[in-house]
Protein backbone atom coordinates (compact mmCIF):
# COMPACT_ATOMS: atom_id res chain seq x y z
CA UNK A 1 0.00 0.00 0.00
CA UNK A 2 1.19 3.48 -0.84
CA UNK A 3 0.03 6.26 1.45
CA UNK A 4 0.34 10.01 1.02
CA UNK A 5 0.65 12.45 3.92
CA UNK A 6 -0.25 16.04 3.11
CA UNK A 7 -1.88 19.22 4.30
CA UNK A 8 -5.62 19.37 3.69
CA UNK A 9 -6.45 22.64 1.92
CA UNK A 10 -8.56 24.98 4.07
CA UNK A 11 -11.31 24.99 1.44
CA UNK A 12 -11.56 21.19 1.76
CA UNK A 13 -11.32 21.04 5.56
CA UNK A 14 -14.86 19.71 5.95
CA UNK A 15 -13.76 16.29 4.69
CA UNK A 16 -12.44 15.51 8.18
CA UNK A 17 -15.95 15.52 9.70
CA UNK A 18 -16.62 11.74 9.46
CA UNK A 19 -13.26 10.95 11.07
CA UNK A 20 -13.70 13.52 13.84
CA UNK A 21 -17.18 12.13 14.59
CA UNK A 22 -15.61 8.69 15.13
CA UNK A 23 -13.00 10.08 17.50
CA UNK A 24 -15.09 12.05 19.94
CA UNK A 25 -16.42 10.56 23.17
CA UNK A 26 -19.78 12.18 22.46
CA UNK A 27 -21.78 12.54 19.27
CA UNK A 28 -22.29 16.11 18.20
CA UNK A 29 -24.64 17.26 15.46
CA UNK A 30 -22.79 17.47 12.14
CA UNK A 31 -23.72 21.14 11.66
CA UNK A 32 -22.26 22.05 15.07
CA UNK A 33 -18.96 20.31 14.31
CA UNK A 34 -18.83 21.74 10.79
CA UNK A 35 -19.26 25.24 12.21
CA UNK A 36 -16.44 24.65 14.66
CA UNK A 37 -14.17 23.16 11.99
CA UNK A 38 -14.78 26.17 9.73
CA UNK A 39 -14.02 28.55 12.61
CA UNK A 40 -10.85 26.64 13.49
CA UNK A 41 -9.67 26.94 9.88
CA UNK A 42 -9.51 30.72 10.35
CA UNK A 43 -7.19 30.46 13.35
CA UNK A 44 -3.59 29.19 13.78
CA UNK A 45 -4.80 25.79 12.69
CA UNK A 46 -3.98 23.45 9.86
CA UNK A 47 -5.17 19.95 9.19
CA UNK A 48 -3.10 17.17 7.67
CA UNK A 49 -4.30 13.88 6.33
CA UNK A 50 -3.33 10.37 5.38
CA UNK A 51 -4.62 9.31 1.99
CA UNK A 52 -4.94 5.85 0.54
CA UNK A 53 -5.33 6.87 -3.07
CA UNK A 54 -8.07 9.53 -3.02
CA UNK A 55 -9.58 8.25 0.23
CA UNK A 56 -8.88 10.15 3.48
CA UNK A 57 -8.13 7.45 6.06
CA UNK A 58 -6.53 9.53 8.82
CA UNK A 59 -6.13 13.09 10.00
CA UNK A 60 -4.65 15.34 12.63
CA UNK A 61 -5.24 18.96 13.36
CA UNK A 62 -2.14 21.05 14.00
CA UNK A 63 -2.33 24.12 16.24
CA UNK A 64 0.74 26.35 15.91
CA UNK A 65 1.67 28.55 18.87
CA UNK A 66 4.47 29.81 21.07
CA UNK A 67 4.42 28.74 24.70
CA UNK A 68 6.62 30.03 27.52
CA UNK A 69 7.71 26.50 28.49
CA UNK A 70 8.12 25.02 25.00
CA UNK A 71 8.95 27.82 22.59
CA UNK A 72 7.38 27.57 19.14
CA UNK A 73 5.37 24.37 19.16
CA UNK A 74 2.63 22.46 17.45
CA UNK A 75 -0.22 20.69 19.18
CA UNK A 76 -1.48 17.63 17.36
CA UNK A 77 -5.25 17.53 17.83
CA UNK A 78 -7.97 14.99 16.98
CA UNK A 79 -5.49 12.44 15.66
CA UNK A 80 -7.43 9.63 14.05
CA UNK A 81 -6.70 6.68 11.75
CA UNK A 82 -9.45 4.40 10.43
CA UNK A 83 -9.56 1.08 12.31
CA UNK A 84 -8.72 -1.06 9.27
CA UNK A 85 -5.42 0.81 8.90
CA UNK A 86 -4.24 0.61 12.52
CA UNK A 87 -1.40 -1.53 13.91
CA UNK A 88 0.47 -1.45 10.61
CA UNK A 89 3.07 1.23 11.39
CA UNK A 90 1.06 3.97 9.70
CA UNK A 91 0.72 6.07 12.88
CA UNK A 92 4.48 6.08 13.35
CA UNK A 93 5.03 7.14 9.74
CA UNK A 94 2.35 9.82 10.09
CA UNK A 95 4.00 11.27 13.18
CA UNK A 96 7.43 11.20 11.54
CA UNK A 97 5.89 13.26 8.74
CA UNK A 98 4.26 15.63 11.29
CA UNK A 99 7.62 16.09 13.12
CA UNK A 100 9.35 17.06 9.88
CA UNK A 101 6.49 19.32 8.84
CA UNK A 102 6.60 21.09 12.23
CA UNK A 103 10.40 21.43 12.16
CA UNK A 104 10.17 23.04 8.71
CA UNK A 105 7.81 25.62 10.26
CA UNK A 106 10.36 26.36 13.01
CA UNK A 107 8.74 24.34 15.80
CA UNK A 108 10.83 23.11 18.71
CA UNK A 109 8.27 20.78 20.29
CA UNK A 110 5.11 18.74 19.72
CA UNK A 111 2.42 18.34 22.34
CA UNK A 112 -1.01 16.77 22.44
CA UNK A 113 -3.93 15.66 24.56
CA UNK A 114 -5.52 12.24 24.51
CA UNK A 115 -8.67 10.94 26.16
CA UNK A 116 -7.91 9.29 29.52
CA UNK A 117 -9.70 6.10 28.49
CA UNK A 118 -7.86 5.75 25.15
CA UNK A 119 -5.18 3.38 26.45
CA UNK A 120 -3.88 2.25 23.03
CA UNK A 121 -3.05 5.87 22.21
CA UNK A 122 -1.17 6.27 25.51
CA UNK A 123 1.07 3.33 24.64
CA UNK A 124 1.64 4.72 21.16
CA UNK A 125 2.61 8.19 22.44
CA UNK A 126 4.94 6.77 25.11
CA UNK A 127 6.64 4.75 22.38
CA UNK A 128 6.98 7.97 20.36
CA UNK A 129 8.87 9.59 23.25
CA UNK A 130 6.09 11.78 24.64
CA UNK A 131 5.99 12.38 28.40
CA UNK A 132 3.08 13.43 30.57
CA UNK A 133 3.68 16.98 31.82
CA UNK A 134 0.31 17.66 33.38
CA UNK A 135 -3.42 17.16 33.25
CA UNK A 136 -5.79 18.78 30.81
CA UNK A 137 -8.75 20.19 32.74
CA UNK A 138 -12.01 21.20 31.11
CA UNK A 139 -15.02 23.15 32.33
CA UNK A 140 -18.05 23.90 30.17
CA UNK A 141 -19.27 27.49 30.56
C-alpha atoms as a PDB file:
ATOM      1  CA  UNK A   1       0.000   0.000   0.000  1.00  0.00           C
ATOM      2  CA  UNK A   2       1.186   3.482  -0.836  1.00  0.00           C
ATOM      3  CA  UNK A   3       0.034   6.263   1.450  1.00  0.00           C
ATOM      4  CA  UNK A   4       0.344  10.012   1.015  1.00  0.00           C
ATOM      5  CA  UNK A   5       0.650  12.452   3.916  1.00  0.00           C
ATOM      6  CA  UNK A   6      -0.251  16.036   3.106  1.00  0.00           C
ATOM      7  CA  UNK A   7      -1.884  19.219   4.296  1.00  0.00           C
ATOM      8  CA  UNK A   8      -5.619  19.366   3.688  1.00  0.00           C
ATOM      9  CA  UNK A   9      -6.451  22.644   1.920  1.00  0.00           C
ATOM     10  CA  UNK A  10      -8.556  24.980   4.071  1.00  0.00           C
ATOM     11  CA  UNK A  11     -11.306  24.994   1.441  1.00  0.00           C
ATOM     12  CA  UNK A  12     -11.557  21.192   1.763  1.00  0.00           C
ATOM     13  CA  UNK A  13     -11.321  21.037   5.562  1.00  0.00           C
ATOM     14  CA  UNK A  14     -14.864  19.714   5.950  1.00  0.00           C
ATOM     15  CA  UNK A  15     -13.758  16.289   4.686  1.00  0.00           C
ATOM     16  CA  UNK A  16     -12.440  15.509   8.182  1.00  0.00           C
ATOM     17  CA  UNK A  17     -15.955  15.518   9.696  1.00  0.00           C
ATOM     18  CA  UNK A  18     -16.621  11.741   9.458  1.00  0.00           C
ATOM     19  CA  UNK A  19     -13.264  10.954  11.075  1.00  0.00           C
ATOM     20  CA  UNK A  20     -13.703  13.523  13.843  1.00  0.00           C
ATOM     21  CA  UNK A  21     -17.177  12.128  14.586  1.00  0.00           C
ATOM     22  CA  UNK A  22     -15.614   8.688  15.134  1.00  0.00           C
ATOM     23  CA  UNK A  23     -12.997  10.076  17.501  1.00  0.00           C
ATOM     24  CA  UNK A  24     -15.089  12.048  19.940  1.00  0.00           C
ATOM     25  CA  UNK A  25     -16.416  10.560  23.166  1.00  0.00           C
ATOM     26  CA  UNK A  26     -19.783  12.181  22.457  1.00  0.00           C
ATOM     27  CA  UNK A  27     -21.777  12.536  19.270  1.00  0.00           C
ATOM     28  CA  UNK A  28     -22.286  16.106  18.205  1.00  0.00           C
ATOM     29  CA  UNK A  29     -24.637  17.258  15.459  1.00  0.00           C
ATOM     30  CA  UNK A  30     -22.788  17.471  12.136  1.00  0.00           C
ATOM     31  CA  UNK A  31     -23.716  21.137  11.664  1.00  0.00           C
ATOM     32  CA  UNK A  32     -22.261  22.047  15.075  1.00  0.00           C
ATOM     33  CA  UNK A  33     -18.960  20.312  14.306  1.00  0.00           C
ATOM     34  CA  UNK A  34     -18.834  21.744  10.789  1.00  0.00           C
ATOM     35  CA  UNK A  35     -19.262  25.237  12.211  1.00  0.00           C
ATOM     36  CA  UNK A  36     -16.443  24.652  14.663  1.00  0.00           C
ATOM     37  CA  UNK A  37     -14.168  23.156  11.993  1.00  0.00           C
ATOM     38  CA  UNK A  38     -14.781  26.173   9.728  1.00  0.00           C
ATOM     39  CA  UNK A  39     -14.016  28.545  12.606  1.00  0.00           C
ATOM     40  CA  UNK A  40     -10.845  26.635  13.491  1.00  0.00           C
ATOM     41  CA  UNK A  41      -9.666  26.936   9.877  1.00  0.00           C
ATOM     42  CA  UNK A  42      -9.507  30.715  10.349  1.00  0.00           C
ATOM     43  CA  UNK A  43      -7.188  30.462  13.347  1.00  0.00           C
ATOM     44  CA  UNK A  44      -3.589  29.191  13.785  1.00  0.00           C
ATOM     45  CA  UNK A  45      -4.804  25.788  12.692  1.00  0.00           C
ATOM     46  CA  UNK A  46      -3.981  23.449   9.857  1.00  0.00           C
ATOM     47  CA  UNK A  47      -5.174  19.948   9.186  1.00  0.00           C
ATOM     48  CA  UNK A  48      -3.096  17.172   7.674  1.00  0.00           C
ATOM     49  CA  UNK A  49      -4.301  13.877   6.327  1.00  0.00           C
ATOM     50  CA  UNK A  50      -3.326  10.372   5.384  1.00  0.00           C
ATOM     51  CA  UNK A  51      -4.623   9.313   1.992  1.00  0.00           C
ATOM     52  CA  UNK A  52      -4.938   5.846   0.538  1.00  0.00           C
ATOM     53  CA  UNK A  53      -5.326   6.871  -3.073  1.00  0.00           C
ATOM     54  CA  UNK A  54      -8.068   9.526  -3.024  1.00  0.00           C
ATOM     55  CA  UNK A  55      -9.575   8.251   0.234  1.00  0.00           C
ATOM     56  CA  UNK A  56      -8.880  10.155   3.480  1.00  0.00           C
ATOM     57  CA  UNK A  57      -8.128   7.448   6.057  1.00  0.00           C
ATOM     58  CA  UNK A  58      -6.535   9.533   8.822  1.00  0.00           C
ATOM     59  CA  UNK A  59      -6.135  13.086  10.002  1.00  0.00           C
ATOM     60  CA  UNK A  60      -4.645  15.341  12.627  1.00  0.00           C
ATOM     61  CA  UNK A  61      -5.244  18.958  13.362  1.00  0.00           C
ATOM     62  CA  UNK A  62      -2.144  21.050  14.003  1.00  0.00           C
ATOM     63  CA  UNK A  63      -2.332  24.123  16.244  1.00  0.00           C
ATOM     64  CA  UNK A  64       0.744  26.349  15.911  1.00  0.00           C
ATOM     65  CA  UNK A  65       1.675  28.551  18.866  1.00  0.00           C
ATOM     66  CA  UNK A  66       4.474  29.810  21.068  1.00  0.00           C
ATOM     67  CA  UNK A  67       4.419  28.738  24.699  1.00  0.00           C
ATOM     68  CA  UNK A  68       6.616  30.033  27.520  1.00  0.00           C
ATOM     69  CA  UNK A  69       7.710  26.502  28.494  1.00  0.00           C
ATOM     70  CA  UNK A  70       8.121  25.019  25.003  1.00  0.00           C
ATOM     71  CA  UNK A  71       8.948  27.822  22.585  1.00  0.00           C
ATOM     72  CA  UNK A  72       7.382  27.574  19.144  1.00  0.00           C
ATOM     73  CA  UNK A  73       5.369  24.373  19.161  1.00  0.00           C
ATOM     74  CA  UNK A  74       2.627  22.465  17.450  1.00  0.00           C
ATOM     75  CA  UNK A  75      -0.222  20.695  19.179  1.00  0.00           C
ATOM     76  CA  UNK A  76      -1.485  17.630  17.363  1.00  0.00           C
ATOM     77  CA  UNK A  77      -5.248  17.532  17.832  1.00  0.00           C
ATOM     78  CA  UNK A  78      -7.967  14.991  16.984  1.00  0.00           C
ATOM     79  CA  UNK A  79      -5.489  12.436  15.658  1.00  0.00           C
ATOM     80  CA  UNK A  80      -7.434   9.628  14.047  1.00  0.00           C
ATOM     81  CA  UNK A  81      -6.697   6.682  11.751  1.00  0.00           C
ATOM     82  CA  UNK A  82      -9.452   4.398  10.432  1.00  0.00           C
ATOM     83  CA  UNK A  83      -9.559   1.082  12.307  1.00  0.00           C
ATOM     84  CA  UNK A  84      -8.721  -1.064   9.268  1.00  0.00           C
ATOM     85  CA  UNK A  85      -5.420   0.807   8.896  1.00  0.00           C
ATOM     86  CA  UNK A  86      -4.236   0.614  12.519  1.00  0.00           C
ATOM     87  CA  UNK A  87      -1.400  -1.526  13.911  1.00  0.00           C
ATOM     88  CA  UNK A  88       0.468  -1.451  10.607  1.00  0.00           C
ATOM     89  CA  UNK A  89       3.066   1.226  11.394  1.00  0.00           C
ATOM     90  CA  UNK A  90       1.064   3.969   9.702  1.00  0.00           C
ATOM     91  CA  UNK A  91       0.717   6.073  12.880  1.00  0.00           C
ATOM     92  CA  UNK A  92       4.478   6.076  13.351  1.00  0.00           C
ATOM     93  CA  UNK A  93       5.030   7.142   9.743  1.00  0.00           C
ATOM     94  CA  UNK A  94       2.346   9.824  10.092  1.00  0.00           C
ATOM     95  CA  UNK A  95       4.003  11.269  13.184  1.00  0.00           C
ATOM     96  CA  UNK A  96       7.432  11.198  11.539  1.00  0.00           C
ATOM     97  CA  UNK A  97       5.893  13.262   8.740  1.00  0.00           C
ATOM     98  CA  UNK A  98       4.265  15.634  11.291  1.00  0.00           C
ATOM     99  CA  UNK A  99       7.615  16.086  13.118  1.00  0.00           C
ATOM    100  CA  UNK A 100       9.355  17.063   9.879  1.00  0.00           C
ATOM    101  CA  UNK A 101       6.489  19.325   8.841  1.00  0.00           C
ATOM    102  CA  UNK A 102       6.596  21.093  12.227  1.00  0.00           C
ATOM    103  CA  UNK A 103      10.399  21.433  12.160  1.00  0.00           C
ATOM    104  CA  UNK A 104      10.170  23.040   8.713  1.00  0.00           C
ATOM    105  CA  UNK A 105       7.815  25.619  10.255  1.00  0.00           C
ATOM    106  CA  UNK A 106      10.362  26.359  13.012  1.00  0.00           C
ATOM    107  CA  UNK A 107       8.740  24.340  15.798  1.00  0.00           C
ATOM    108  CA  UNK A 108      10.828  23.108  18.715  1.00  0.00           C
ATOM    109  CA  UNK A 109       8.269  20.777  20.291  1.00  0.00           C
ATOM    110  CA  UNK A 110       5.109  18.743  19.716  1.00  0.00           C
ATOM    111  CA  UNK A 111       2.423  18.340  22.338  1.00  0.00           C
ATOM    112  CA  UNK A 112      -1.012  16.774  22.437  1.00  0.00           C
ATOM    113  CA  UNK A 113      -3.930  15.660  24.561  1.00  0.00           C
ATOM    114  CA  UNK A 114      -5.521  12.238  24.514  1.00  0.00           C
ATOM    115  CA  UNK A 115      -8.666  10.945  26.164  1.00  0.00           C
ATOM    116  CA  UNK A 116      -7.906   9.294  29.520  1.00  0.00           C
ATOM    117  CA  UNK A 117      -9.704   6.103  28.488  1.00  0.00           C
ATOM    118  CA  UNK A 118      -7.859   5.752  25.154  1.00  0.00           C
ATOM    119  CA  UNK A 119      -5.176   3.377  26.454  1.00  0.00           C
ATOM    120  CA  UNK A 120      -3.876   2.247  23.031  1.00  0.00           C
ATOM    121  CA  UNK A 121      -3.046   5.874  22.209  1.00  0.00           C
ATOM    122  CA  UNK A 122      -1.172   6.275  25.511  1.00  0.00           C
ATOM    123  CA  UNK A 123       1.075   3.332  24.639  1.00  0.00           C
ATOM    124  CA  UNK A 124       1.642   4.723  21.156  1.00  0.00           C
ATOM    125  CA  UNK A 125       2.613   8.195  22.443  1.00  0.00           C
ATOM    126  CA  UNK A 126       4.938   6.769  25.105  1.00  0.00           C
ATOM    127  CA  UNK A 127       6.635   4.753  22.376  1.00  0.00           C
ATOM    128  CA  UNK A 128       6.983   7.970  20.363  1.00  0.00           C
ATOM    129  CA  UNK A 129       8.868   9.585  23.251  1.00  0.00           C
ATOM    130  CA  UNK A 130       6.088  11.776  24.636  1.00  0.00           C
ATOM    131  CA  UNK A 131       5.994  12.376  28.397  1.00  0.00           C
ATOM    132  CA  UNK A 132       3.077  13.432  30.572  1.00  0.00           C
ATOM    133  CA  UNK A 133       3.684  16.980  31.818  1.00  0.00           C
ATOM    134  CA  UNK A 134       0.311  17.663  33.376  1.00  0.00           C
ATOM    135  CA  UNK A 135      -3.420  17.156  33.251  1.00  0.00           C
ATOM    136  CA  UNK A 136      -5.790  18.782  30.810  1.00  0.00           C
ATOM    137  CA  UNK A 137      -8.748  20.189  32.736  1.00  0.00           C
ATOM    138  CA  UNK A 138     -12.008  21.198  31.107  1.00  0.00           C
ATOM    139  CA  UNK A 139     -15.022  23.150  32.327  1.00  0.00           C
ATOM    140  CA  UNK A 140     -18.049  23.900  30.170  1.00  0.00           C
ATOM    141  CA  UNK A 141     -19.269  27.491  30.560  1.00  0.00           C
END
